[in-house]
Protein backbone atom coordinates (compact mmCIF):
# COMPACT_ATOMS: atom_id res chain seq x y z
CA MET A 1 -39.85 -20.95 -42.12
CA THR A 2 -40.90 -17.35 -42.38
CA ALA A 3 -43.97 -16.46 -44.33
CA THR A 4 -43.96 -13.17 -46.12
CA THR A 5 -47.03 -11.31 -47.21
CA ASP A 6 -46.98 -8.87 -50.08
CA VAL A 7 -48.90 -5.76 -49.20
CA THR A 8 -50.11 -3.92 -52.24
CA ALA A 9 -50.78 -0.25 -51.72
CA THR A 10 -54.38 0.64 -52.22
CA THR A 11 -54.73 3.23 -54.90
CA VAL A 12 -57.63 5.60 -55.16
CA PRO A 13 -59.08 5.83 -58.67
CA ALA A 14 -58.36 9.13 -60.32
CA ALA A 15 -62.07 9.75 -60.90
CA ALA A 16 -62.75 9.40 -57.18
CA ALA A 17 -59.73 11.41 -56.08
CA ALA A 18 -60.15 14.37 -58.41
CA PRO A 19 -63.03 16.76 -57.68
CA VAL A 20 -65.74 17.18 -60.27
CA PRO A 21 -64.85 20.18 -62.45
CA MET A 22 -66.88 23.28 -61.70
CA ALA A 23 -67.88 23.59 -65.36
CA ARG A 24 -69.42 20.11 -65.26
CA LEU A 25 -71.21 20.86 -61.99
CA THR A 26 -72.63 24.04 -63.49
CA LEU A 27 -73.86 22.18 -66.58
CA VAL A 28 -75.54 19.61 -64.34
CA GLU A 29 -77.27 22.36 -62.38
CA LEU A 30 -78.39 24.00 -65.62
CA ARG A 31 -79.91 20.70 -66.71
CA LYS A 32 -81.63 20.33 -63.34
CA LEU A 33 -83.44 23.65 -63.92
CA ALA A 34 -85.53 21.96 -66.61
CA ASP A 35 -85.60 18.43 -65.16
CA THR A 36 -88.62 18.96 -62.93
CA ARG A 37 -92.12 19.63 -64.22
CA ALA A 38 -92.26 22.92 -62.31
CA GLY A 39 -88.95 24.12 -63.75
CA MET A 40 -89.87 23.13 -67.31
CA TRP A 41 -93.26 24.85 -67.18
CA LEU A 42 -91.75 27.92 -65.60
CA LEU A 43 -89.31 28.24 -68.50
CA ILE A 44 -92.15 27.73 -70.99
CA VAL A 45 -94.28 30.40 -69.30
CA ILE A 46 -91.36 32.85 -69.29
CA GLY A 47 -90.81 32.25 -73.01
CA LEU A 48 -94.49 32.67 -73.89
CA ALA A 49 -94.85 35.76 -71.71
CA THR A 50 -91.80 37.34 -73.33
CA VAL A 51 -93.24 36.72 -76.79
CA ALA A 52 -96.53 38.21 -75.58
CA THR A 53 -94.82 41.46 -74.56
CA SER A 54 -93.69 42.04 -78.15
CA ALA A 55 -97.15 41.18 -79.45
CA ILE A 56 -98.73 43.65 -77.03
CA LEU A 57 -96.48 46.51 -78.10
CA LEU A 58 -96.86 45.74 -81.81
CA GLY A 59 -100.62 45.46 -81.54
CA TRP A 60 -101.62 48.20 -79.09
CA ALA A 61 -98.79 50.63 -78.34
CA ASP A 62 -98.52 54.05 -79.93
CA ASP A 63 -96.47 54.04 -83.12
CA SER A 64 -93.77 56.24 -81.59
CA GLU A 65 -93.33 53.78 -78.69
CA ILE A 66 -92.62 50.75 -80.87
CA THR A 67 -88.81 50.85 -80.81
CA PHE A 68 -86.09 48.34 -80.03
CA THR A 69 -85.48 49.92 -76.62
CA ALA A 70 -89.16 49.66 -75.67
CA LEU A 71 -89.48 46.12 -76.96
CA TYR A 72 -86.33 45.07 -75.13
CA THR A 73 -87.06 46.67 -71.75
CA PHE A 74 -90.72 45.58 -71.72
CA GLY A 75 -89.70 42.09 -72.80
CA LEU A 76 -87.46 41.68 -69.75
CA MET A 77 -90.37 42.00 -67.32
CA PRO A 78 -91.52 38.34 -67.37
CA SER A 79 -88.04 36.96 -66.75
CA ALA A 80 -87.34 39.59 -64.06
CA VAL A 81 -90.42 38.40 -62.16
CA LEU A 82 -90.28 34.63 -62.78
CA LEU A 83 -86.60 33.71 -63.14
CA PRO A 84 -85.95 34.26 -59.40
CA VAL A 85 -88.54 31.53 -58.72
CA LEU A 86 -86.37 29.23 -60.82
CA GLY A 87 -83.41 30.30 -58.69
CA ILE A 88 -85.37 29.36 -55.57
CA LEU A 89 -86.33 25.97 -57.03
CA SER A 90 -82.74 25.18 -57.96
CA VAL A 91 -81.77 25.26 -54.27
CA THR A 92 -84.88 24.09 -52.47
CA SER A 93 -85.62 21.17 -54.81
CA GLU A 94 -82.63 19.28 -53.37
CA TRP A 95 -84.50 19.16 -50.06
CA SER A 96 -88.12 19.04 -51.21
CA GLN A 97 -87.39 16.28 -53.77
CA ARG A 98 -85.09 14.50 -51.28
CA THR A 99 -82.15 14.46 -53.71
CA ALA A 100 -79.75 16.20 -51.33
CA LEU A 101 -78.37 12.89 -50.03
CA ALA A 102 -77.50 11.70 -53.53
CA THR A 103 -76.10 15.07 -54.58
CA PHE A 104 -73.88 15.55 -51.54
CA THR A 105 -72.75 11.91 -51.65
CA LEU A 106 -71.54 12.32 -55.21
CA VAL A 107 -70.09 15.78 -54.48
CA PRO A 108 -69.32 16.01 -50.74
CA ALA A 109 -68.11 19.60 -51.07
CA ARG A 110 -71.46 21.34 -50.53
CA ALA A 111 -69.97 24.78 -51.11
CA ARG A 112 -69.02 23.79 -54.67
CA VAL A 113 -72.54 22.51 -55.33
CA LEU A 114 -74.06 25.76 -54.07
CA LEU A 115 -71.58 27.79 -56.12
CA ALA A 116 -72.56 25.78 -59.21
CA LYS A 117 -76.22 26.57 -58.54
CA VAL A 118 -75.41 30.27 -58.28
CA ALA A 119 -73.39 30.12 -61.51
CA ALA A 120 -76.23 28.28 -63.26
CA GLY A 121 -78.66 30.95 -62.11
CA ALA A 122 -76.43 33.70 -63.45
CA LEU A 123 -76.05 31.89 -66.79
CA ILE A 124 -79.79 31.38 -67.19
CA ALA A 125 -80.27 35.10 -66.53
CA VAL A 126 -77.72 35.92 -69.24
CA ALA A 127 -79.39 33.49 -71.65
CA ALA A 128 -82.84 34.95 -70.94
CA THR A 129 -81.58 38.49 -71.52
CA ALA A 130 -79.90 37.51 -74.79
CA ALA A 131 -83.05 35.71 -75.96
CA THR A 132 -85.12 38.79 -75.11
CA ALA A 133 -82.77 41.01 -77.12
CA ILE A 134 -83.05 38.67 -80.12
CA LEU A 135 -86.83 38.58 -79.85
CA ALA A 136 -86.96 42.38 -79.53
CA ALA A 137 -84.80 42.72 -82.63
CA GLY A 138 -87.11 40.41 -84.58
CA ALA A 139 -90.18 42.33 -83.43
CA ASN A 140 -88.54 45.64 -84.29
CA LEU A 141 -88.03 44.41 -87.86
CA ILE A 142 -91.78 43.92 -88.09
CA ALA A 143 -92.55 47.29 -86.47
CA PRO A 144 -92.46 49.44 -89.67
CA ALA A 145 -94.95 47.08 -91.30
CA VAL A 146 -97.52 47.83 -88.58
CA GLY A 147 -96.78 51.55 -88.52
CA GLY A 148 -94.30 51.52 -85.66
CA ASP A 149 -91.26 53.72 -85.32
CA GLY A 150 -88.78 50.84 -85.60
CA SER A 151 -85.90 52.87 -84.19
CA TRP A 152 -82.76 50.90 -83.29
CA SER A 153 -81.09 53.52 -81.09
CA VAL A 154 -80.25 52.16 -77.63
CA ASP A 155 -77.75 53.23 -75.00
CA SER A 156 -75.12 50.54 -74.44
CA SER A 157 -75.21 51.10 -70.68
CA LEU A 158 -78.89 50.13 -70.67
CA ILE A 159 -78.02 46.72 -72.11
CA TRP A 160 -75.48 45.68 -69.51
CA GLN A 161 -77.37 47.34 -66.64
CA SER A 162 -80.49 45.35 -67.49
CA LEU A 163 -78.36 42.21 -67.71
CA LEU A 164 -76.89 42.89 -64.29
CA LEU A 165 -80.36 43.51 -62.88
CA GLN A 166 -81.57 40.13 -64.15
CA VAL A 167 -78.60 38.41 -62.52
CA ILE A 168 -79.23 40.23 -59.24
CA PHE A 169 -82.85 39.08 -59.12
CA VAL A 170 -81.95 35.45 -59.85
CA LEU A 171 -79.22 35.50 -57.19
CA MET A 172 -81.77 36.93 -54.77
CA GLY A 173 -83.94 33.90 -55.53
CA ASN A 174 -80.95 31.62 -54.88
CA ALA A 175 -80.31 33.43 -51.61
CA PHE A 176 -83.87 33.11 -50.31
CA GLY A 177 -83.99 29.48 -51.37
CA ALA A 178 -80.76 28.68 -49.53
CA LEU A 179 -81.84 30.61 -46.44
CA LEU A 180 -85.27 28.98 -46.10
CA LEU A 181 -84.80 25.60 -47.85
CA ASN A 182 -88.56 25.37 -48.33
CA THR A 183 -90.04 26.05 -51.75
CA PRO A 184 -93.48 27.51 -50.90
CA LEU A 185 -92.14 29.54 -47.97
CA ALA A 186 -89.20 30.90 -49.98
CA ILE A 187 -91.44 31.95 -52.89
CA VAL A 188 -93.95 33.68 -50.61
CA ILE A 189 -91.25 35.47 -48.60
CA TYR A 190 -89.38 36.48 -51.76
CA PHE A 191 -92.42 38.30 -53.15
CA ALA A 192 -94.08 39.43 -49.92
CA LEU A 193 -91.22 40.78 -47.81
CA PRO A 194 -89.78 43.31 -50.32
CA THR A 195 -93.33 44.41 -51.21
CA VAL A 196 -94.24 45.00 -47.58
CA TRP A 197 -91.01 46.92 -47.05
CA SER A 198 -91.74 49.08 -50.11
CA VAL A 199 -95.22 49.87 -48.82
CA LEU A 200 -93.94 50.74 -45.35
CA GLY A 201 -91.09 52.84 -46.75
CA GLY A 202 -93.46 54.75 -48.98
CA SER A 203 -96.15 55.35 -46.36
CA ILE A 204 -94.18 55.93 -43.14
CA ARG A 205 -92.20 59.16 -43.15
CA ALA A 206 -89.64 57.89 -40.62
CA LEU A 207 -88.69 55.07 -43.01
CA SER A 208 -88.57 57.12 -46.21
CA ASP A 209 -84.85 57.92 -46.00
CA ALA A 210 -83.94 54.33 -45.14
CA SER A 211 -86.05 52.96 -47.98
CA LYS A 212 -84.00 54.96 -50.50
CA TRP A 213 -81.01 52.83 -49.50
CA LEU A 214 -82.57 49.55 -48.38
CA ASP A 215 -85.47 49.07 -50.80
CA LEU A 216 -84.22 47.08 -53.79
CA ASN A 217 -87.45 47.79 -55.67
CA VAL A 218 -86.58 51.49 -55.46
CA THR A 219 -82.81 51.37 -56.01
CA SER A 220 -83.10 49.00 -58.97
CA GLN A 221 -85.32 51.43 -60.89
CA ALA A 222 -82.23 53.44 -61.79
CA MET A 223 -80.89 50.45 -63.73
CA THR A 224 -83.70 50.78 -66.26
CA GLU A 225 -82.31 54.16 -67.28
CA ALA A 226 -79.02 54.94 -69.01
CA ASP A 227 -75.94 56.29 -67.23
CA MET A 228 -76.52 55.72 -63.53
CA THR A 229 -74.88 58.18 -61.16
CA SER A 230 -72.42 57.26 -58.41
CA GLY A 231 -75.08 57.91 -55.78
CA GLU A 232 -77.49 55.53 -57.50
CA TRP A 233 -74.78 52.86 -57.67
CA ALA A 234 -74.07 53.33 -53.96
CA ARG A 235 -77.72 52.93 -53.01
CA LEU A 236 -78.02 49.89 -55.25
CA GLY A 237 -74.93 48.34 -53.66
CA VAL A 238 -76.31 48.77 -50.14
CA SER A 239 -79.69 47.27 -51.04
CA VAL A 240 -78.06 44.34 -52.87
CA GLY A 241 -75.93 43.71 -49.80
CA VAL A 242 -79.05 43.52 -47.62
CA TRP A 243 -81.34 41.56 -49.93
CA VAL A 244 -78.87 39.36 -51.84
CA VAL A 245 -75.44 39.06 -50.22
CA LEU A 246 -76.55 38.77 -46.58
CA PRO A 247 -79.24 36.09 -47.12
CA LEU A 248 -76.92 34.23 -49.51
CA VAL A 249 -74.14 34.09 -46.89
CA LEU A 250 -76.58 33.00 -44.17
CA GLY A 251 -78.19 30.52 -46.53
CA ALA A 252 -74.81 29.06 -47.52
CA ALA A 253 -73.99 28.55 -43.84
CA ARG A 254 -77.28 26.75 -43.36
CA VAL A 255 -76.79 24.51 -46.40
CA LEU A 256 -73.29 23.59 -45.23
CA ARG A 257 -74.45 22.68 -41.72
CA ARG A 258 -77.88 21.14 -42.26
CA GLU A 259 -78.16 17.43 -41.58
CA VAL A 260 -79.04 15.37 -44.65
CA SER A 261 -81.50 12.59 -43.93
């Protein structure tokens, strides 16, 4: 007598076989930005500081300076300074909070997780810029009541250039976070290293020419003015390559290779 055994093919559930959609990963990373106490308070501080910029201009600026353009550009300062810290936290928190094992177990493709973090950083920069524009518009409506100019004229290139600048700064935060994978160290290096380079480039004659191309603090100033020239775009591109693209590539390589314990 011959015994036969039915072998049933093992099927992999569709949910396990199909990768998590990038849109869902990005939404998860956006939610993570406000999940921690540090991230939530950072967002609150950015919001309050942005409101304060409008109050400062309405209360103390010269009447001729109270315009939509002034309210908008001044209002972007808090997010330009603090949003990159949020970009750093989005990457380093996986390691400092010891959630990397859970994250990379659920989504083994680390490159997709890092890409979702970068996309979330870009989206939060866009949202912050849009919120600043809305706040500036509201403040500009009040301007005539306090004697301000209340002018609405603004160059369209200034809007998208400022938006691009916000995204660049957040991506720089992502890059430093991925490269160092340590929250305090990444924050200190992010603020200290460009500042030191700016001081050296401005004080040492031999570095003055190089700083015009490699100092992001210098090259990004052109983005606060309308209609950048081709030379200004070239210098900005070189500095972004050094301070954003290069550390982001090196940081991605480190994230992909680092042992998760």
